[in-house]
Protein backbone atom coordinates (compact mmCIF):
# COMPACT_ATOMS: atom_id res chain seq x y z
CA UNK A 1 223.56 306.62 87.11
CA UNK A 2 220.90 304.47 88.74
CA UNK A 3 221.64 302.52 91.78
CA UNK A 4 220.83 298.86 91.90
CA UNK A 5 218.57 297.91 94.76
CA UNK A 6 220.42 296.19 97.50
CA UNK A 7 219.60 292.54 97.63
CA UNK A 8 217.94 291.47 100.85
CA UNK A 9 219.14 288.29 102.40
CA UNK A 10 216.81 286.37 104.64
CA UNK A 11 218.12 284.63 107.67
CA UNK A 12 217.41 280.92 107.58
CA UNK A 13 214.25 279.92 109.45
CA UNK A 14 214.90 278.61 112.88
CA UNK A 15 214.41 274.89 113.18
CA UNK A 16 211.11 274.21 114.89
CA UNK A 17 210.99 271.58 117.63
CA UNK A 18 209.51 268.27 116.51
CA UNK A 19 205.91 267.36 117.33
CA UNK A 20 207.09 264.67 119.74
CA UNK A 21 208.64 267.31 121.98
CA UNK A 22 205.39 269.29 122.18
CA UNK A 23 203.46 266.07 122.69
CA UNK A 24 205.55 265.18 125.73
CA UNK A 25 204.99 268.67 127.15
CA UNK A 26 201.22 268.62 126.57
CA UNK A 27 201.03 265.15 128.06
CA UNK A 28 202.19 266.57 131.41
CA UNK A 29 199.67 269.39 131.58
CA UNK A 30 197.24 269.06 134.53
CA UNK A 31 194.07 267.22 133.44
CA UNK A 32 191.63 270.06 134.20
CA UNK A 33 189.79 271.28 131.05
CA UNK A 34 191.33 274.75 130.88
CA UNK A 35 194.89 273.54 130.29
CA UNK A 36 194.38 271.70 127.01
CA UNK A 37 191.91 274.34 125.88
CA UNK A 38 194.36 277.23 126.35
CA UNK A 39 197.20 275.31 124.71
CA UNK A 40 195.04 274.41 121.70
CA UNK A 41 194.30 278.10 121.06
CA UNK A 42 197.97 279.15 120.78
CA UNK A 43 198.46 278.10 117.16
CA UNK A 44 197.17 275.70 114.52
CA UNK A 45 200.07 273.33 115.04
CA UNK A 46 199.40 272.93 118.75
CA UNK A 47 195.69 272.58 118.08
CA UNK A 48 196.36 269.79 115.58
CA UNK A 49 198.52 267.89 118.07
CA UNK A 50 196.06 268.26 120.95
CA UNK A 51 193.03 267.31 118.84
CA UNK A 52 194.64 264.09 117.66
CA UNK A 53 192.58 261.20 119.14
CA UNK A 54 195.79 259.23 119.71
CA UNK A 55 197.13 262.05 121.90
CA UNK A 56 193.87 262.27 123.87
CA UNK A 57 194.05 258.53 124.54
CA UNK A 58 197.64 258.88 125.76
CA UNK A 59 196.65 261.88 127.87
CA UNK A 60 193.96 259.88 129.66
CA UNK A 61 196.27 256.90 130.17
CA UNK A 62 199.08 259.14 131.48
CA UNK A 63 197.01 260.90 134.15
CA UNK A 64 194.80 257.99 135.20
CA UNK A 65 193.02 260.13 137.84
CA UNK A 66 189.96 261.46 136.02
CA UNK A 67 189.18 265.08 136.95
CA UNK A 68 185.92 266.02 138.65
CA UNK A 69 184.15 268.41 136.27
CA UNK A 70 181.21 269.03 138.59
CA UNK A 71 178.23 267.22 140.06
CA UNK A 72 174.53 266.64 139.52
CA UNK A 73 171.78 267.34 142.02
CA UNK A 74 168.06 266.59 142.06
CA UNK A 75 166.45 269.93 142.83
CA UNK A 76 162.98 270.36 144.30
CA UNK A 77 162.49 266.71 145.10
CA UNK A 78 162.25 265.13 141.65
CA UNK A 79 161.35 268.21 139.66
CA UNK A 80 164.64 268.87 137.83
CA UNK A 81 168.25 267.78 137.38
CA UNK A 82 170.90 270.43 137.95
CA UNK A 83 174.58 270.36 136.97
CA UNK A 84 177.00 272.40 139.10
CA UNK A 85 180.43 272.85 137.43
CA UNK A 86 183.56 273.04 139.54
CA UNK A 87 186.15 272.91 136.73
CA UNK A 88 187.47 275.99 134.92
CA UNK A 89 186.31 276.82 132.33
CA UNK A 90 182.89 275.64 133.39
CA UNK A 91 181.80 272.72 131.17
CA UNK A 92 178.23 272.86 129.90
CA UNK A 93 176.87 269.45 130.83
CA UNK A 94 173.26 270.19 131.72
CA UNK A 95 170.77 267.36 131.26
CA UNK A 96 168.79 267.47 127.98
CA UNK A 97 165.27 268.91 128.04
CA UNK A 98 163.68 265.46 127.81
CA UNK A 99 165.22 264.68 131.23
CA UNK A 100 163.92 267.97 132.68
CA UNK A 101 160.26 266.97 132.56
CA UNK A 102 159.63 266.93 136.31
CA UNK A 103 159.67 263.14 136.65
CA UNK A 104 163.36 262.35 136.07
CA UNK A 105 166.06 262.13 138.73
CA UNK A 106 169.68 261.05 138.97
CA UNK A 107 170.27 257.77 140.79
CA UNK A 108 174.01 257.36 140.26
CA UNK A 109 176.96 258.89 138.44
CA UNK A 110 180.08 256.86 137.74
CA UNK A 111 183.03 256.90 135.29
CA UNK A 112 181.61 259.56 132.98
CA UNK A 113 178.04 258.24 132.74
CA UNK A 114 174.84 259.16 134.56
CA UNK A 115 172.03 256.80 135.62
CA UNK A 116 168.64 258.51 135.36
CA UNK A 117 165.22 257.25 136.42
CA UNK A 118 162.06 258.33 134.62
CA UNK A 119 159.67 257.69 137.51
CA UNK A 120 156.35 258.25 135.75
CA UNK A 121 157.10 255.43 133.29
CA UNK A 122 159.39 253.39 135.59
CA UNK A 123 162.21 253.45 133.02
CA UNK A 124 165.99 253.77 133.47
CA UNK A 125 168.40 255.59 131.15
CA UNK A 126 172.20 255.56 131.11
CA UNK A 127 173.11 259.01 129.79
CA UNK A 128 176.60 259.89 128.56
CA UNK A 129 177.10 263.69 128.56
CA UNK A 130 180.36 263.40 126.59
CA UNK A 131 179.17 261.02 123.88
CA UNK A 132 175.78 262.79 123.99
CA UNK A 133 173.87 259.52 123.86
CA UNK A 134 171.47 257.73 126.18
CA UNK A 135 170.89 254.01 126.53
CA UNK A 136 167.32 252.96 127.31
CA UNK A 137 167.44 250.19 129.90
CA UNK A 138 163.67 249.77 129.62
CA UNK A 139 160.94 249.08 132.15
CA UNK A 140 162.04 248.39 135.70
CA UNK A 141 161.55 244.90 137.15
CA UNK A 142 159.39 246.26 139.97
CA UNK A 143 158.49 244.14 142.99
CA UNK A 144 157.14 246.41 145.70
CA UNK A 145 154.86 248.58 143.58
CA UNK A 146 155.79 251.59 145.71
CA UNK A 147 158.53 253.25 143.63
CA UNK A 148 160.81 252.55 146.60
CA UNK A 149 163.97 251.56 144.78
CA UNK A 150 167.52 252.62 143.98
CA UNK A 151 170.14 251.56 141.46
CA UNK A 152 173.88 251.73 140.81
CA UNK A 153 175.78 251.95 137.52
CA UNK A 154 178.77 249.59 137.24
CA UNK A 155 181.26 248.89 134.46
CA UNK A 156 181.31 245.33 133.12
CA UNK A 157 184.19 242.99 134.06
CA UNK A 158 187.39 243.47 132.10
CA UNK A 159 187.02 247.23 131.86
CA UNK A 160 189.29 248.17 134.75
CA UNK A 161 190.66 251.32 133.09
CA UNK A 162 187.98 253.86 133.95
CA UNK A 163 189.57 256.81 132.14
CA UNK A 164 187.41 256.23 129.04
CA UNK A 165 184.31 254.14 129.74
CA UNK A 166 181.98 255.92 127.32
CA UNK A 167 181.65 253.04 124.85
CA UNK A 168 182.27 250.19 127.29
CA UNK A 169 179.50 247.77 128.31
CA UNK A 170 177.95 248.33 131.73
CA UNK A 171 175.73 246.79 134.36
CA UNK A 172 172.93 248.34 136.38
CA UNK A 173 172.37 246.88 139.84
CA UNK A 174 168.74 247.51 140.76
CA UNK A 175 167.58 247.27 144.39
CA UNK A 176 163.91 247.03 145.34
CA UNK A 177 162.71 247.86 148.87
CA UNK A 178 159.40 246.44 150.07
CA UNK A 179 157.55 246.40 153.37
CA UNK A 180 154.48 244.24 153.88
CA UNK A 181 152.84 243.67 157.28
CA UNK A 182 156.02 244.79 159.05
CA UNK A 183 158.02 242.30 156.98
CA UNK A 184 160.99 243.94 155.25
CA UNK A 185 162.42 242.58 152.02
CA UNK A 186 165.31 243.86 149.92
CA UNK A 187 165.85 242.33 146.48
CA UNK A 188 168.62 242.93 143.92
CA UNK A 189 168.86 242.23 140.21
CA UNK A 190 171.46 243.05 137.53
CA UNK A 191 170.94 244.41 134.00
CA UNK A 192 173.66 243.58 131.43
CA UNK A 193 174.03 246.01 128.52
CA UNK A 194 176.06 243.61 126.36
CA UNK A 195 173.15 241.11 126.29
CA UNK A 196 170.35 243.64 126.91
CA UNK A 197 168.93 241.37 129.59
CA UNK A 198 168.25 241.08 133.31
CA UNK A 199 169.67 238.45 135.65
CA UNK A 200 167.82 236.66 138.42
CA UNK A 201 166.64 238.06 141.74
CA UNK A 202 168.52 237.81 145.04
CA UNK A 203 166.61 238.66 148.23
CA UNK A 204 167.26 239.13 151.93
CA UNK A 205 165.25 240.11 155.01
CA UNK A 206 167.21 243.02 156.51
CA UNK A 207 166.80 244.89 159.81
CA UNK A 208 165.95 248.04 157.79
CA UNK A 209 165.59 249.16 154.18
CA UNK A 210 168.30 250.38 151.82
CA UNK A 211 168.87 254.13 151.54
CA UNK A 212 169.29 255.76 148.13
CA UNK A 213 172.60 257.49 148.90
CA UNK A 214 176.16 256.40 149.63
CA UNK A 215 176.52 253.30 147.46
CA UNK A 216 180.07 252.04 146.88
CA UNK A 217 181.47 249.73 144.20
CA UNK A 218 184.56 247.66 145.03
CA UNK A 219 185.61 245.12 142.44
CA UNK A 220 182.62 242.91 141.69
CA UNK A 221 180.74 243.94 144.83
CA UNK A 222 178.29 246.74 145.58
CA UNK A 223 177.57 248.09 149.05
CA UNK A 224 174.68 250.20 150.31
CA UNK A 225 173.83 251.93 153.54
CA UNK A 226 170.81 250.67 155.45
CA UNK A 227 168.47 253.06 157.19
CA UNK A 228 169.65 253.45 160.78
CA UNK A 229 166.09 253.60 162.12
CA UNK A 230 165.44 250.79 164.56
CA UNK A 231 169.10 250.87 165.68
CA UNK A 232 170.23 248.96 162.60
CA UNK A 233 174.02 249.10 162.32
CA UNK A 234 174.64 247.27 159.06
CA UNK A 235 175.42 247.77 155.40
CA UNK A 236 174.16 245.62 152.54
CA UNK A 237 176.66 243.68 150.43
CA UNK A 238 175.84 242.29 146.97
CA UNK A 239 178.32 240.16 145.01
CA UNK A 240 177.34 240.45 141.35
CA UNK A 241 179.09 237.33 140.05
CA UNK A 242 177.60 234.90 142.57
CA UNK A 243 174.37 236.77 143.38
CA UNK A 244 175.19 236.69 147.11
CA UNK A 245 173.25 239.27 149.13
CA UNK A 246 174.39 239.64 152.73
CA UNK A 247 174.74 242.02 155.69
CA UNK A 248 177.94 243.45 157.18
CA UNK A 249 177.86 244.87 160.68
CA UNK A 250 179.45 248.28 161.21
CA UNK A 251 181.59 249.20 164.23
CA UNK A 252 179.70 250.55 167.24
CA UNK A 253 181.61 253.84 166.89
CA UNK A 254 179.45 254.74 163.87
CA UNK A 255 176.46 255.64 166.01
CA UNK A 256 178.45 257.15 168.87
CA UNK A 257 181.08 259.19 167.00
CA UNK A 258 179.38 260.01 163.69
CA UNK A 259 175.68 259.96 164.65
CA UNK A 260 175.30 257.27 161.96
CA UNK A 261 176.19 259.85 159.28
CA UNK A 262 178.85 258.10 157.22
CA UNK A 263 179.64 257.70 153.51
CA UNK A 264 180.63 254.35 151.98
CA UNK A 265 183.69 254.33 149.71
CA UNK A 266 186.49 252.08 148.44
CA UNK A 267 189.24 251.93 151.05
CA UNK A 268 192.88 252.71 150.32
CA UNK A 269 193.78 249.02 150.60
CA UNK A 270 191.26 248.01 147.94
CA UNK A 271 188.44 246.82 150.20
CA UNK A 272 185.25 248.47 151.40
CA UNK A 273 185.53 251.44 153.71
CA UNK A 274 183.66 254.49 154.91
CA UNK A 275 184.32 258.06 155.96
CA UNK A 276 182.73 260.10 158.73
CA UNK A 277 183.29 263.45 160.42
CA UNK A 278 183.78 263.63 164.18
CA UNK A 279 183.67 267.29 165.28
CA UNK A 280 186.31 268.71 162.89
CA UNK A 281 188.20 265.52 162.03
CA UNK A 282 187.60 263.40 158.94
CA UNK A 283 187.98 259.70 159.77
CA UNK A 284 188.60 256.86 157.30
CA UNK A 285 187.76 253.26 158.13
CA UNK A 286 188.55 250.02 156.27
CA UNK A 287 187.26 246.47 156.63
CA UNK A 288 190.26 244.21 156.98
CA UNK A 289 190.77 240.45 157.30
CA UNK A 290 193.32 239.18 159.81
CA UNK A 291 195.66 236.22 159.45
CA UNK A 292 192.97 233.85 160.73
CA UNK A 293 190.45 234.99 158.15
CA UNK A 294 188.34 237.06 160.54
CA UNK A 295 187.09 240.35 159.07
CA UNK A 296 186.80 243.52 161.15
CA UNK A 297 186.86 247.31 160.89
CA UNK A 298 189.90 249.49 161.56
CA UNK A 299 190.37 253.27 161.72
CA UNK A 300 193.22 253.84 159.24
CA UNK A 301 193.47 257.61 158.72
CA UNK A 302 192.46 260.94 160.28
CA UNK A 303 192.51 264.39 158.65
CA UNK A 304 192.23 267.51 160.80
CA UNK A 305 189.84 269.72 158.85
CA UNK A 306 190.75 272.80 160.89
CA UNK A 307 194.28 272.72 159.47
CA UNK A 308 193.30 272.60 155.79
CA UNK A 309 194.03 275.84 153.89
CA UNK A 310 191.26 277.75 152.14
CA UNK A 311 191.75 281.18 150.51
CA UNK A 312 195.21 281.53 152.10
CA UNK A 313 193.83 280.94 155.59
CA UNK A 314 193.12 277.87 157.68
CA UNK A 315 189.59 276.45 157.72
CA UNK A 316 189.37 276.69 161.53
CA UNK A 317 185.93 275.74 162.82
CA UNK A 318 184.28 276.41 159.43
CA UNK A 319 183.68 272.67 158.97
CA UNK A 320 182.68 271.90 162.55
CA UNK A 321 179.77 269.43 162.56
CA UNK A 322 180.06 268.87 158.81
CA UNK A 323 179.32 265.59 157.02
CA UNK A 324 180.45 263.79 153.88
CA UNK A 325 177.83 264.31 151.16
CA UNK A 326 179.69 262.93 148.15
CA UNK A 327 182.85 261.16 147.02
CA UNK A 328 184.51 260.57 143.66
CA UNK A 329 186.64 257.44 143.78
CA UNK A 330 188.04 258.30 140.32
CA UNK A 331 189.80 261.40 141.68
CA UNK A 332 189.87 261.04 145.49
CA UNK A 333 187.74 264.15 145.92
CA UNK A 334 185.30 264.48 148.83
CA UNK A 335 182.33 266.80 149.14
CA UNK A 336 181.58 268.10 152.64
CA UNK A 337 178.35 269.78 153.64
CA UNK A 338 178.22 272.18 156.58
CA UNK A 339 176.39 275.26 157.80
CA UNK A 340 179.04 277.31 155.97
CA UNK A 341 178.18 275.64 152.63
CA UNK A 342 179.52 272.82 150.47
CA UNK A 343 183.27 272.25 150.11
CA UNK A 344 185.54 269.92 148.15
CA UNK A 345 188.61 268.23 149.60
CA UNK A 346 191.23 266.72 147.33
CA UNK A 347 192.88 263.96 149.36
CA UNK A 348 196.04 264.06 147.23
CA UNK A 349 196.70 267.80 147.33
CA UNK A 350 194.91 268.51 150.66
CA UNK A 351 193.19 271.43 148.93
CA UNK A 352 189.94 272.73 150.34
CA UNK A 353 187.61 274.72 148.06
CA UNK A 354 184.13 276.15 148.49
CA UNK A 355 181.41 275.37 145.94
CA UNK A 356 179.23 278.50 146.08
CA UNK A 357 176.49 277.24 143.74
CA UNK A 358 175.83 273.96 145.56
CA UNK A 359 172.64 273.31 147.49
CA UNK A 360 173.70 271.80 150.80
CA UNK A 361 170.51 269.84 151.53
CA UNK A 362 170.47 267.94 148.21
CA UNK A 363 172.42 264.76 147.40
CA UNK A 364 175.57 265.22 145.31
CA UNK A 365 176.51 262.93 142.41
CA UNK A 366 180.08 263.80 141.29
CA UNK A 367 180.73 263.68 137.54
CA UNK A 368 184.24 262.74 136.40
CA UNK A 369 185.58 262.69 132.85
CA UNK A 370 188.31 264.05 130.64
CA UNK A 371 186.50 266.86 128.87
CA UNK A 372 186.75 265.77 125.24
CA UNK A 373 184.32 264.46 122.65
CA UNK A 374 186.12 262.70 119.81
CA UNK A 375 188.44 265.30 118.29
CA UNK A 376 186.89 268.23 120.14
CA UNK A 377 188.25 269.67 123.38
CA UNK A 378 185.55 272.12 124.41
CA UNK A 379 182.08 272.58 122.98
CA UNK A 380 179.94 275.67 123.35
CA UNK A 381 176.20 276.31 123.55
CA UNK A 382 175.88 276.26 119.75
CA UNK A 383 176.58 272.51 119.73
CA UNK A 384 173.45 270.40 119.89
CA UNK A 385 173.41 267.58 122.40
CA UNK A 386 171.22 264.92 120.82
CA UNK A 387 169.96 262.05 122.92
CA UNK A 388 169.76 258.81 120.98
CA UNK A 389 167.61 256.06 122.35
CA UNK A 390 168.07 252.33 121.77
CA UNK A 391 164.75 250.95 120.42
CA UNK A 392 163.19 248.08 122.34
CA UNK A 393 160.10 246.00 121.60
CA UNK A 394 158.30 247.22 124.74
CA UNK A 395 159.66 250.75 124.31
CA UNK A 396 157.48 253.38 126.02
CA UNK A 397 160.16 255.88 127.05
CA UNK A 398 159.70 259.63 126.67
CA UNK A 399 163.20 260.71 125.64
CA UNK A 400 162.81 259.97 121.94
CA UNK A 401 165.77 261.70 120.34
CA UNK A 402 166.37 265.24 119.27
CA UNK A 403 166.53 266.53 122.83
CA UNK A 404 168.73 269.55 123.39
CA UNK A 405 171.00 270.11 126.36
């Protein structure tokens, strides 16, 4: 007599948590690239949630502080542009080949976009490594004829949320230095991407010329360091809306305590400030206005670098005689250069980290962005980074599309 097979009963499937629960969890992951990447590889469901553009927009809005993915450096003078990653996994954000032609250099890097000068043709590009596009600003409005200029990239008014500026209009503030018969002249002019046009010139006769490093943007104003040669102790202030170009005197302590080696930055109170290292202490200054309307400088914060932890030990005198070589106002991250190398300091976490691949004698341009392109979280070397140029009537640029990163 045959036996009937025993019927197998399946236990009811466990109820899976709703997507909203996972979304709230993913939203609170740290903003560094590795976290979303690892979570997206767990299963198809998680990958679908994380790749949703609506979630990525909420993720950016939730964290606000845009992570520093790395920085750009001009290596060998103006011979090449180098990207040094500091995030994990290391994002591949090298400049396309058409910007590696020996005549291009980075002038500024702000809110996920990079300002590049093509010096042989006197042309500016605004390159977006995430959107993999480049905007051709066109020929520079040169005055001096000596290639002695600098420029700063600024978001247009109304775009105060800098977590996703890739498609937002921008301005380029161009500064021309000229010296003729011992007469110094600094002139500024603004390019507007929304109208594809330049504004008028503003000029001033300063005690010294503008340096190319340490520019700061605060609201609608841009500030530059002046060369300290000739005992000049001023910074240059340009108000974009009114076209006002003026000088601001620095405190006398700048020359005595910091050997004139300071870095301009937005202050904690929303005004202009600067940072400098005195022995092994990092000092923060802010320009304040008193009740009578008189503006002056005040030392508002000091960080003892010797007491910062690094690799489970204290820094000690590792950063003695160091200097500030870069600052990301999107993420409150400083870059310090010293004989021991280049280090990052996160002002919020007080974390000190070494950047082993950095070149200490080259300017640092921090790059900040949430690492995502549309629906993609991480791209690899198989993805082509095309550079698209915006045609102009007087177009003579050399980066004519199809460039690979």
